[in-house]
Structure formats: C-alpha cells, structure tokens
Amino acid sequence: MSRSSFLTIFSDYLSLELSSPFESAELIKITADQQTKSIEATVKANTFIPCLVVEQAQKAIADAASLSQMRIHMKYLPTLLTQENLEKGLWEELIAALKKQNGIVNGFFNEATYQLSQDGLSYSLSIRLARGGKELLQKAQIDTLFQRLLGDLFSVSAAVTLAEGEQTGSDDYDVPPPIEYEKPVAPLPKETVKASPFPYRRRRQPEIKEPTPVTVDFMSEQFTGENAMLLKGRKITSPPVPLKDINSFSGEVVVWGEIFTVDSRVTRDGSRVILSYSFTDYTSSNTLKIIENVENQSRYDALKKGTAILVRGDVVDDKYDKEISIKPYDIMTVTKKVKMDNAPKKRVELHCHTKMSAMDAVGDVKDIINLAYKWGHKAIAITDHGVAQAYPDAMNCVDAIHK
C-alpha cells in the first residue's frame, strides 16, 4: 500500500470485513479538529463502495478512536457513472444517499425508470417517476440536489430531469405493464414533514410591530435578554445555531449576530425597499434581506450598525448575490455581552498596535484606550511601527477621561 492509502492510517480501527472494500482507496485529504474530537477524510476509490459500508466504517473508526464524529467523503472516477452500473445497483445506492440528505425523497423514486446519457464531459440523467410527485420534488430542489450528489461523488457536470407517468414513443425506457387501478402516492412519514422545513413552503405573514419589550427564555454566552425588543413577528424561544453551520439546505434557522453593514435600495417603481443587513456571530457572517413597503421602512430604524439581533427565518439561495441569505419572519434586538477583565489585579498591556501600524492592526487608538479604562487598566503602551501619528488622539482621549 502507498503512503496515501486510506488503510495506512485507519486499518487498525476496522475489521477485516470493513477493510476489504477500502483496499485500493486513496486518502486525498484529512482534517482533524482536536477541540471537537472529529475527523473528516476525503477518500478516492476505483470501485464503488456501498453507502452502508461507508457508514459502518465511520462508526467503527469513531468508536475505536473515541471520536465524537468521523466523516468519510467518497470520490470516484467519472468512468464508474454508466447506465450499466446504475442497473447493477448504483441507482439504489444513489437514491439511498439522496434520501439521507433529504427525507422527502422517501418512496418517490420507487419503480422509477432512468436513462443516463453522456456528451463529452457532460452527463444527462432522465428520470421518469412511476408514482408521481414531480412538482413536490422540484419545489424541494431534489433535482438540483441530485446533480450536486453526482458532482460530489464522480466530479462530473450532470443535468437531472424529472418526468411523470408512462414513457411512450421511445425505446429508451421499459414500458411498465398495464395496471387496472391508479396506485395512490405514498404518503410522507410524519417525522419527515416535521424535520424537513423547505424555503418554498407557505409561511405565516409576519407582523411588523412597534418595538415591544420581550424576555429571552434561554441562556446565551453571546448576548443577554436585558432590554430585548421584538421588531417583527413572534418572540423567539429557541437558542441560535452558529452561522458557520448553516447552508442552502438548512431550511428554518434561528441565528444571532452583530450588524456591521446596512444597505437599502428602492425598487424601480418606488413602492418597495430592499433592506440588507450584514451581520456576524464571529463564527461566520451572513446577510439578512427584507423586502418591505416604503412606508414601513422606518419600522426598521432600530437595526443599525453595532446592533445585536436574534432572527428566525429561512435560509434561501439569493439569485442576485449568488449566495445564501436569510429571509426573516421574526426579528428581535438583544444586548451583546461585553467582554470584561475580572482579574482582581489588573495587568498593563505593553504591546499594542493601532491602525497606524500598516498591515498589522485596524483598531482606533481612542477605542483601545477607552476599553482599557473600562476594564480598570491604569495604563497601556501603544507600540506602532516607527510612527507617532496616534499620539495626538491618544492624548486627547486621556484628557477626556480625566475631565
């Protein structure tokens, strides 16, 4: 085995039965997070490894190595994506992988027929659904999800199209035998409906309010519930998730952050305004987008740069900015917790740069001095690179404190 072999690192954690499918697998990339005790590995294989085997290998490695999570991302050669391989079991594996990404897939692809064609480096997969459900699957963007799955696994550009009913006038599909009655569409499992919120589903119309004092019913390390105000919709009672964890499939989320950019644009007809608020929770950043009647714009005056917000809304693909954003229907302002120096004996910082140190800092000297004073520090040393331009502002700031 080569040094890049997957089994070189993980064979000690796998049984002989689980090791065998990975015999020729190469380890392309590995990422380990010591804090969360998790590992992510990207693995390339010459033959398709069943999803169940990959899951069992992940669990075996996680259990044996005492990891909180082990993720294996499989990669295959494009030559493995063929009509013949689909008919030999690859189709069922792809549907199983698709179902794990979105539970709404459940049952809709049963008895479906499919045809894979290739034109150079481009692939086309036509799927005819025997049980219907095309509109629902397209609203849930399952065709796009299928394309991404094929791209992730086989590194190809693939177009996936969905159709319903029997295929006529073509020899590309097997004509199903006639039936005497129409089979009902398989109902969605209740847990799938609850666990799969999609951006397209109809939402209640959020009410724009005058700022209303509310309480926060959960603890947060980032903000407090003191002086919390409800600006739109209903009070949020769920704790937020980190912005770094959301993606285009997250659906409904609760997030928090501090606004750092505010932008507004009036539509061409002058009746609507598009409000954009860029905010960060210091794990990542995102944009809150609100399209509102012009006469209601003043209701959002409380959302300014530096304001901390708690938001519930849908993660959507923004077709204009070409990235995900959050469409809110509940908005609250909260108070960000201020970091304090609670040490009984305060230290003196002897190495601190301001924005006058090119390419080394962005802080303003007045903000730095005021923060040191707020923390109870008696002094602070400004050590900019070869310049003293920050001195006048520092002197004036100290004089203002002593007044």
Protein backbone atom coordinates (compact mmCIF):
# COMPACT_ATOMS: atom_id res chain seq x y z
CA MET A 1 0.00 0.00 0.00
CA SER A 2 1.13 3.54 -0.75
CA ARG A 3 1.52 6.17 1.89
CA SER A 4 -1.67 7.82 0.68
CA SER A 5 -3.65 4.64 1.22
CA PHE A 6 -6.71 5.04 3.42
CA LEU A 7 -5.88 1.81 5.27
CA THR A 8 -2.38 3.03 6.13
CA ILE A 9 -3.96 5.24 8.78
CA PHE A 10 -7.27 3.56 9.58
CA SER A 11 -6.73 -0.19 9.14
CA ASP A 12 -6.16 -0.68 12.90
CA TYR A 13 -9.68 0.63 13.58
CA LEU A 14 -11.50 -1.55 11.03
CA SER A 15 -12.33 -5.23 10.93
CA LEU A 16 -11.09 -7.33 8.03
CA GLU A 17 -14.60 -7.30 6.56
CA LEU A 18 -14.77 -3.49 6.61
CA SER A 19 -11.17 -3.06 5.45
CA SER A 20 -11.60 -5.13 2.29
CA PRO A 21 -13.75 -2.60 0.31
CA PHE A 22 -11.15 0.12 1.03
CA GLU A 23 -8.19 -1.96 -0.18
CA SER A 24 -7.44 0.32 -3.14
CA ALA A 25 -8.82 3.54 -1.63
CA GLU A 26 -6.55 6.58 -1.51
CA LEU A 27 -6.65 9.27 1.15
CA ILE A 28 -6.85 12.63 -0.66
CA LYS A 29 -7.42 14.93 2.31
CA ILE A 30 -7.82 14.61 6.06
CA THR A 31 -8.89 17.27 8.57
CA ALA A 32 -8.84 16.77 12.33
CA ASP A 33 -10.40 19.05 14.94
CA GLN A 34 -8.88 18.40 18.33
CA GLN A 35 -11.38 20.58 20.15
CA THR A 36 -14.46 18.73 18.86
CA LYS A 37 -12.64 15.39 18.52
CA SER A 38 -13.79 14.96 14.94
CA ILE A 39 -12.12 13.85 11.70
CA GLU A 40 -13.16 14.42 8.09
CA ALA A 41 -11.48 12.38 5.36
CA THR A 42 -11.83 12.65 1.57
CA VAL A 43 -11.25 9.24 0.00
CA LYS A 44 -10.88 8.22 -3.66
CA ALA A 45 -11.78 4.66 -4.72
CA ASN A 46 -11.57 2.75 -8.02
CA THR A 47 -14.75 0.79 -7.27
CA PHE A 48 -18.00 1.96 -5.75
CA ILE A 49 -18.25 1.31 -2.01
CA PRO A 50 -21.83 0.88 -0.72
CA CYS A 51 -23.14 3.67 1.48
CA LEU A 52 -23.87 1.22 4.29
CA VAL A 53 -20.24 0.06 4.31
CA VAL A 54 -19.03 3.69 4.47
CA GLU A 55 -21.39 4.37 7.40
CA GLN A 56 -20.23 1.26 9.24
CA ALA A 57 -16.60 2.25 8.69
CA GLN A 58 -17.30 5.74 10.05
CA LYS A 59 -18.91 4.32 13.18
CA ALA A 60 -16.17 1.74 13.71
CA ILE A 61 -13.39 4.33 13.46
CA ALA A 62 -15.25 6.82 15.70
CA ASP A 63 -15.88 4.18 18.37
CA ALA A 64 -12.35 2.74 18.28
CA ALA A 65 -10.63 6.13 18.29
CA SER A 66 -13.04 7.75 20.81
CA LEU A 67 -14.13 10.42 18.32
CA SER A 68 -17.31 12.45 18.53
CA GLN A 69 -17.64 12.22 14.74
CA MET A 70 -15.92 10.55 11.79
CA ARG A 71 -16.93 11.66 8.28
CA ILE A 72 -15.77 9.94 5.09
CA HIS A 73 -16.40 11.81 1.82
CA MET A 74 -16.11 9.38 -1.11
CA LYS A 75 -14.83 10.33 -4.57
CA TYR A 76 -14.98 8.10 -7.68
CA LEU A 77 -13.74 8.19 -11.26
CA PRO A 78 -16.32 9.52 -13.76
CA THR A 79 -15.96 6.24 -15.70
CA LEU A 80 -17.91 4.48 -12.95
CA LEU A 81 -21.00 6.55 -13.74
CA THR A 82 -22.58 4.43 -16.50
CA GLN A 83 -26.04 3.12 -17.36
CA GLU A 84 -24.75 -0.43 -16.82
CA ASN A 85 -23.51 0.35 -13.30
CA LEU A 86 -26.78 2.10 -12.48
CA GLU A 87 -28.67 -1.06 -13.40
CA LYS A 88 -26.26 -3.20 -11.38
CA GLY A 89 -27.07 -1.47 -8.10
CA LEU A 90 -25.55 2.01 -8.31
CA TRP A 91 -29.03 3.54 -8.75
CA GLU A 92 -30.25 2.16 -5.42
CA GLU A 93 -27.08 3.44 -3.72
CA LEU A 94 -27.57 6.94 -5.14
CA ILE A 95 -31.20 7.05 -4.02
CA ALA A 96 -30.18 5.89 -0.52
CA ALA A 97 -27.55 8.68 -0.35
CA LEU A 98 -30.10 11.20 -1.65
CA LYS A 99 -32.64 10.10 0.96
CA LYS A 100 -30.13 10.74 3.76
CA GLN A 101 -29.69 14.32 2.56
CA ASN A 102 -33.41 14.99 2.27
CA GLY A 103 -36.09 12.74 3.73
CA ILE A 104 -38.75 13.91 1.28
CA VAL A 105 -37.19 11.56 -1.30
CA ASN A 106 -38.71 8.63 0.58
CA GLY A 107 -40.81 6.45 -1.76
CA PHE A 108 -40.98 8.77 -4.77
CA PHE A 109 -38.22 7.00 -6.73
CA ASN A 110 -39.63 3.51 -6.19
CA GLU A 111 -40.21 1.79 -9.55
CA ALA A 112 -38.84 4.83 -11.38
CA THR A 113 -37.12 4.35 -14.76
CA TYR A 114 -33.97 6.22 -15.70
CA GLN A 115 -31.67 6.79 -18.64
CA LEU A 116 -28.10 8.13 -18.44
CA SER A 117 -26.51 9.74 -21.49
CA GLN A 118 -23.12 11.36 -21.97
CA ASP A 119 -21.87 14.08 -24.32
CA GLY A 120 -18.16 14.59 -23.78
CA LEU A 121 -17.71 15.72 -20.18
CA SER A 122 -21.42 16.45 -19.69
CA TYR A 123 -23.90 13.90 -18.40
CA SER A 124 -27.68 13.85 -18.53
CA LEU A 125 -29.86 11.72 -16.26
CA SER A 126 -33.56 11.49 -17.22
CA ILE A 127 -35.83 10.06 -14.53
CA ARG A 128 -39.46 9.05 -15.03
CA LEU A 129 -41.40 8.78 -11.78
CA ALA A 130 -43.87 5.88 -11.67
CA ARG A 131 -45.66 7.24 -8.57
CA GLY A 132 -45.83 10.93 -9.41
CA GLY A 133 -44.54 13.67 -7.15
CA LYS A 134 -42.56 15.64 -9.74
CA GLU A 135 -43.86 19.05 -8.63
CA LEU A 136 -43.18 18.39 -4.96
CA LEU A 137 -39.65 17.10 -5.66
CA GLN A 138 -38.87 20.09 -7.86
CA LYS A 139 -40.11 22.53 -5.23
CA ALA A 140 -37.80 20.84 -2.75
CA GLN A 141 -35.00 21.17 -5.35
CA ILE A 142 -34.35 17.43 -5.35
CA ASP A 143 -33.21 17.55 -9.00
CA THR A 144 -30.58 20.14 -8.05
CA LEU A 145 -29.61 18.07 -5.00
CA PHE A 146 -29.23 15.00 -7.25
CA GLN A 147 -26.95 16.99 -9.59
CA ARG A 148 -24.77 18.05 -6.68
CA LEU A 149 -24.60 14.48 -5.40
CA LEU A 150 -23.35 13.24 -8.78
CA GLY A 151 -20.89 16.10 -8.95
CA ASP A 152 -19.56 15.41 -5.45
CA LEU A 153 -19.19 11.67 -6.00
CA PHE A 154 -17.98 11.50 -9.61
CA SER A 155 -16.67 15.04 -10.29
CA VAL A 156 -18.93 15.47 -13.31
CA SER A 157 -21.36 18.08 -14.58
CA ALA A 158 -24.71 16.32 -14.72
CA ALA A 159 -28.17 17.59 -15.64
CA VAL A 160 -31.03 15.77 -13.89
CA THR A 161 -34.57 15.99 -15.28
CA LEU A 162 -37.75 14.61 -13.74
CA ALA A 163 -40.87 13.44 -15.56
CA GLU A 164 -44.08 11.63 -14.59
CA GLY A 165 -46.22 8.83 -15.99
CA GLU A 166 -45.54 6.17 -18.57
CA GLN A 167 -42.99 6.74 -21.32
CA THR A 168 -44.44 6.48 -24.84
CA GLY A 169 -42.83 6.76 -28.25
CA SER A 170 -39.32 5.89 -27.05
CA ASP A 171 -37.31 2.72 -26.74
CA ASP A 172 -35.07 4.22 -24.06
CA TYR A 173 -37.36 3.07 -21.23
CA ASP A 174 -39.03 -0.21 -20.44
CA VAL A 175 -42.79 0.23 -20.77
CA PRO A 176 -44.38 -0.87 -17.47
CA PRO A 177 -47.15 -3.47 -17.61
CA PRO A 178 -50.72 -2.11 -17.68
CA ILE A 179 -52.45 -1.69 -14.35
CA GLU A 180 -56.12 -1.76 -13.58
CA TYR A 181 -56.13 0.97 -10.95
CA GLU A 182 -54.09 4.00 -10.06
CA LYS A 183 -51.82 3.49 -7.14
CA PRO A 184 -52.04 6.28 -4.56
CA VAL A 185 -48.97 8.40 -3.98
CA ALA A 186 -47.08 7.11 -0.96
CA PRO A 187 -47.77 9.46 1.99
CA LEU A 188 -44.82 11.23 3.54
CA PRO A 189 -43.81 9.95 7.01
CA LYS A 190 -44.85 12.34 9.75
CA GLU A 191 -41.31 12.71 11.07
CA THR A 192 -40.15 13.71 7.56
CA VAL A 193 -42.67 16.51 7.37
CA LYS A 194 -41.60 17.84 10.75
CA ALA A 195 -37.87 17.52 10.19
CA SER A 196 -37.65 18.87 6.65
CA PRO A 197 -38.52 22.58 6.50
CA PHE A 198 -38.10 23.97 2.97
CA PRO A 199 -37.79 27.57 1.83
CA TYR A 200 -40.73 27.17 -0.56
CA ARG A 201 -43.37 26.23 1.99
CA ARG A 202 -46.03 28.79 2.78
CA ARG A 203 -45.24 30.84 5.86
CA ARG A 204 -47.42 32.92 8.08
CA GLN A 205 -47.27 36.61 7.23
CA PRO A 206 -45.07 38.20 9.90
CA GLU A 207 -46.50 41.27 11.54
CA ILE A 208 -44.39 44.43 11.65
CA LYS A 209 -44.59 45.87 15.14
CA GLU A 210 -43.66 48.91 17.10
CA PRO A 211 -40.63 47.86 19.21
CA THR A 212 -42.09 45.74 22.03
CA PRO A 213 -40.12 44.71 25.16
CA VAL A 214 -39.83 40.91 25.48
CA THR A 215 -37.91 38.42 27.59
CA VAL A 216 -35.39 35.83 26.38
CA ASP A 217 -36.23 32.39 27.77
CA PHE A 218 -32.83 30.75 27.32
CA MET A 219 -29.22 31.32 28.35
CA SER A 220 -26.64 32.52 25.85
CA GLU A 221 -22.92 33.14 26.15
CA GLN A 222 -23.07 35.77 23.41
CA PHE A 223 -25.91 38.05 24.46
CA THR A 224 -28.31 38.82 27.28
CA GLY A 225 -32.07 39.20 27.34
CA GLU A 226 -31.88 42.58 29.03
CA ASN A 227 -33.73 45.25 27.06
CA ALA A 228 -34.67 42.75 24.32
CA MET A 229 -37.15 44.22 21.82
CA LEU A 230 -39.42 42.46 19.32
CA LEU A 231 -39.49 44.27 15.96
CA LYS A 232 -41.23 41.77 13.73
CA GLY A 233 -43.24 38.54 14.02
CA ARG A 234 -43.28 36.49 17.21
CA LYS A 235 -40.98 36.14 20.19
CA ILE A 236 -38.11 33.70 19.56
CA THR A 237 -37.82 30.98 22.19
CA SER A 238 -35.17 28.74 20.61
CA PRO A 239 -31.40 29.20 21.05
CA PRO A 240 -29.43 30.18 17.93
CA VAL A 241 -27.16 27.97 15.82
CA PRO A 242 -23.70 29.17 14.69
CA LEU A 243 -23.66 30.85 11.29
CA LYS A 244 -20.77 28.61 10.23
CA ASP A 245 -23.11 25.60 10.39
CA ILE A 246 -25.85 26.84 8.05
CA ASN A 247 -26.02 26.06 4.33
CA SER A 248 -28.53 26.11 1.49
CA PHE A 249 -30.28 23.00 2.89
CA SER A 250 -30.67 24.30 6.47
CA GLY A 251 -34.26 25.49 5.95
CA GLU A 252 -35.61 27.27 9.02
CA VAL A 253 -32.95 28.52 11.43
CA VAL A 254 -32.55 30.73 14.48
CA VAL A 255 -29.34 32.79 14.40
CA TRP A 256 -27.89 35.79 16.15
CA GLY A 257 -25.23 38.34 15.24
CA GLU A 258 -23.97 41.90 15.36
CA ILE A 259 -24.81 44.12 12.38
CA PHE A 260 -21.74 45.59 10.65
CA THR A 261 -23.20 46.86 7.35
CA VAL A 262 -26.58 48.37 6.49
CA ASP A 263 -27.81 48.95 2.93
CA SER A 264 -31.14 49.93 1.37
CA ARG A 265 -32.34 50.16 -2.23
CA VAL A 266 -35.70 51.37 -3.52
CA THR A 267 -37.28 49.37 -6.35
CA ARG A 268 -37.81 50.98 -9.75
CA ASP A 269 -41.49 51.66 -9.18
CA GLY A 270 -40.68 53.35 -5.86
CA SER A 271 -43.18 51.30 -3.85
CA ARG A 272 -40.82 48.80 -2.20
CA VAL A 273 -37.47 48.97 -0.47
CA ILE A 274 -34.86 46.21 -0.19
CA LEU A 275 -33.11 46.30 3.19
CA SER A 276 -29.86 44.35 3.58
CA TYR A 277 -28.15 43.84 6.94
CA SER A 278 -24.80 42.08 7.04
CA PHE A 279 -24.17 40.57 10.47
CA THR A 280 -21.70 38.25 12.18
CA ASP A 281 -21.72 35.95 15.20
CA TYR A 282 -17.90 35.72 14.97
CA THR A 283 -18.03 32.16 13.62
CA SER A 284 -19.13 33.38 10.18
CA SER A 285 -21.21 36.12 8.54
CA ASN A 286 -24.44 36.31 6.55
CA THR A 287 -26.97 38.78 5.21
CA LEU A 288 -30.49 39.49 6.37
CA LYS A 289 -32.69 40.60 3.47
CA ILE A 290 -36.07 42.28 3.89
CA ILE A 291 -38.33 43.48 1.06
CA GLU A 292 -40.86 45.89 2.54
CA ASN A 293 -43.25 48.66 1.56
CA VAL A 294 -41.52 52.04 1.57
CA GLU A 295 -43.91 53.43 4.17
CA ASN A 296 -42.82 50.70 6.62
CA GLN A 297 -39.08 51.32 6.30
CA SER A 298 -38.92 53.45 9.44
CA ARG A 299 -40.06 50.45 11.49
CA TYR A 300 -36.57 49.01 11.00
CA ASP A 301 -34.66 52.09 12.17
CA ALA A 302 -33.54 50.18 15.26
CA LEU A 303 -31.43 47.89 13.05
CA LYS A 304 -28.22 49.91 12.91
CA LYS A 305 -24.55 49.14 12.70
CA GLY A 306 -23.46 47.61 16.01
CA THR A 307 -26.96 46.36 16.93
CA ALA A 308 -27.16 42.75 18.11
CA ILE A 309 -30.09 40.81 16.64
CA LEU A 310 -31.79 37.46 17.15
CA VAL A 311 -33.53 36.22 14.00
CA ARG A 312 -35.70 33.32 12.92
CA GLY A 313 -36.11 32.78 9.19
CA ASP A 314 -35.42 30.64 6.14
CA VAL A 315 -32.04 30.13 4.51
CA VAL A 316 -32.56 30.85 0.80
CA ASP A 317 -30.41 30.97 -2.33
CA ASP A 318 -30.12 34.61 -3.37
CA LYS A 319 -30.24 34.59 -7.18
CA TYR A 320 -28.89 38.15 -7.34
CA ASP A 321 -25.93 37.91 -4.96
CA LYS A 322 -25.29 34.26 -5.92
CA GLU A 323 -25.02 33.17 -2.30
CA ILE A 324 -27.25 32.15 0.58
CA SER A 325 -29.01 34.75 2.70
CA ILE A 326 -31.66 34.70 5.42
CA LYS A 327 -35.26 35.70 4.81
CA PRO A 328 -36.54 36.68 8.27
CA TYR A 329 -40.02 36.50 9.69
CA ASP A 330 -39.16 37.03 13.39
CA ILE A 331 -36.66 39.72 14.44
CA MET A 332 -35.57 40.72 17.95
CA THR A 333 -32.86 43.09 19.14
CA VAL A 334 -30.80 41.86 22.09
CA THR A 335 -27.85 43.13 24.12
CA LYS A 336 -24.47 41.73 23.24
CA LYS A 337 -22.44 40.67 26.25
CA VAL A 338 -19.44 42.93 26.75
CA LYS A 339 -16.17 41.22 27.50
CA MET A 340 -14.73 42.37 30.83
CA ASP A 341 -11.44 41.92 32.67
CA ASN A 342 -12.50 40.47 36.02
CA ALA A 343 -9.00 39.80 37.32
CA PRO A 344 -8.57 41.19 40.85
CA LYS A 345 -5.13 42.54 39.92
CA LYS A 346 -5.15 44.31 36.57
CA ARG A 347 -2.26 43.97 34.16
CA VAL A 348 -0.72 46.61 31.89
CA GLU A 349 -0.57 45.80 28.17
CA LEU A 350 2.92 46.64 26.88
CA HIS A 351 2.49 45.61 23.23
CA CYS A 352 -0.46 47.06 21.32
CA HIS A 353 -0.74 48.34 17.73
CA THR A 354 -3.32 50.72 16.28
CA LYS A 355 -4.44 51.22 12.70
CA MET A 356 -1.38 53.45 12.28
CA SER A 357 0.68 50.25 12.05
CA ALA A 358 0.23 49.38 8.39
CA MET A 359 -0.95 45.80 7.74
CA ASP A 360 -0.76 44.96 11.44
CA ALA A 361 -3.87 46.37 13.14
CA VAL A 362 -7.24 48.03 12.45
CA GLY A 363 -8.17 49.37 15.89
CA ASP A 364 -8.53 53.07 16.60
CA VAL A 365 -6.35 54.33 19.47
CA LYS A 366 -9.35 56.02 21.15
CA ASP A 367 -11.31 52.77 21.21
CA ILE A 368 -8.32 50.90 22.63
CA ILE A 369 -7.72 53.43 25.43
CA ASN A 370 -11.40 53.66 26.36
CA LEU A 371 -11.64 49.86 26.55
CA ALA A 372 -8.53 49.66 28.77
CA TYR A 373 -10.05 52.32 31.04
CA LYS A 374 -13.38 50.45 31.15
CA TRP A 375 -11.53 47.28 32.19
CA GLY A 376 -9.79 49.13 35.01
CA HIS A 377 -6.30 49.15 33.50
CA LYS A 378 -4.13 52.00 34.77
CA ALA A 379 -2.00 52.29 31.64
CA ILE A 380 -1.42 50.89 28.17
CA ALA A 381 1.56 51.02 25.79
CA ILE A 382 0.99 51.85 22.11
CA THR A 383 3.78 50.28 20.04
CA ASP A 384 3.07 51.32 16.45
CA HIS A 385 5.71 50.64 13.79
CA GLY A 386 8.04 53.64 13.53
CA VAL A 387 5.30 56.28 13.72
CA ALA A 388 3.75 58.52 16.37
CA GLN A 389 0.67 59.70 14.47
CA ALA A 390 -1.63 58.08 17.04
CA TYR A 391 -0.22 60.24 19.88
CA PRO A 392 -2.48 63.32 19.47
CA ASP A 393 -5.66 61.20 19.51
CA ALA A 394 -4.32 59.22 22.48
CA MET A 395 -3.54 62.43 24.40
CA ASN A 396 -6.97 63.92 23.72
CA CYS A 397 -8.68 60.67 24.73
CA VAL A 398 -6.82 60.52 28.06
CA ASP A 399 -7.61 64.21 28.73
CA ALA A 400 -11.31 63.48 28.12
CA ILE A 401 -11.19 60.61 30.61
CA HIS A 402 -9.61 62.79 33.30
CA LYS A 403 -12.19 65.53 32.96
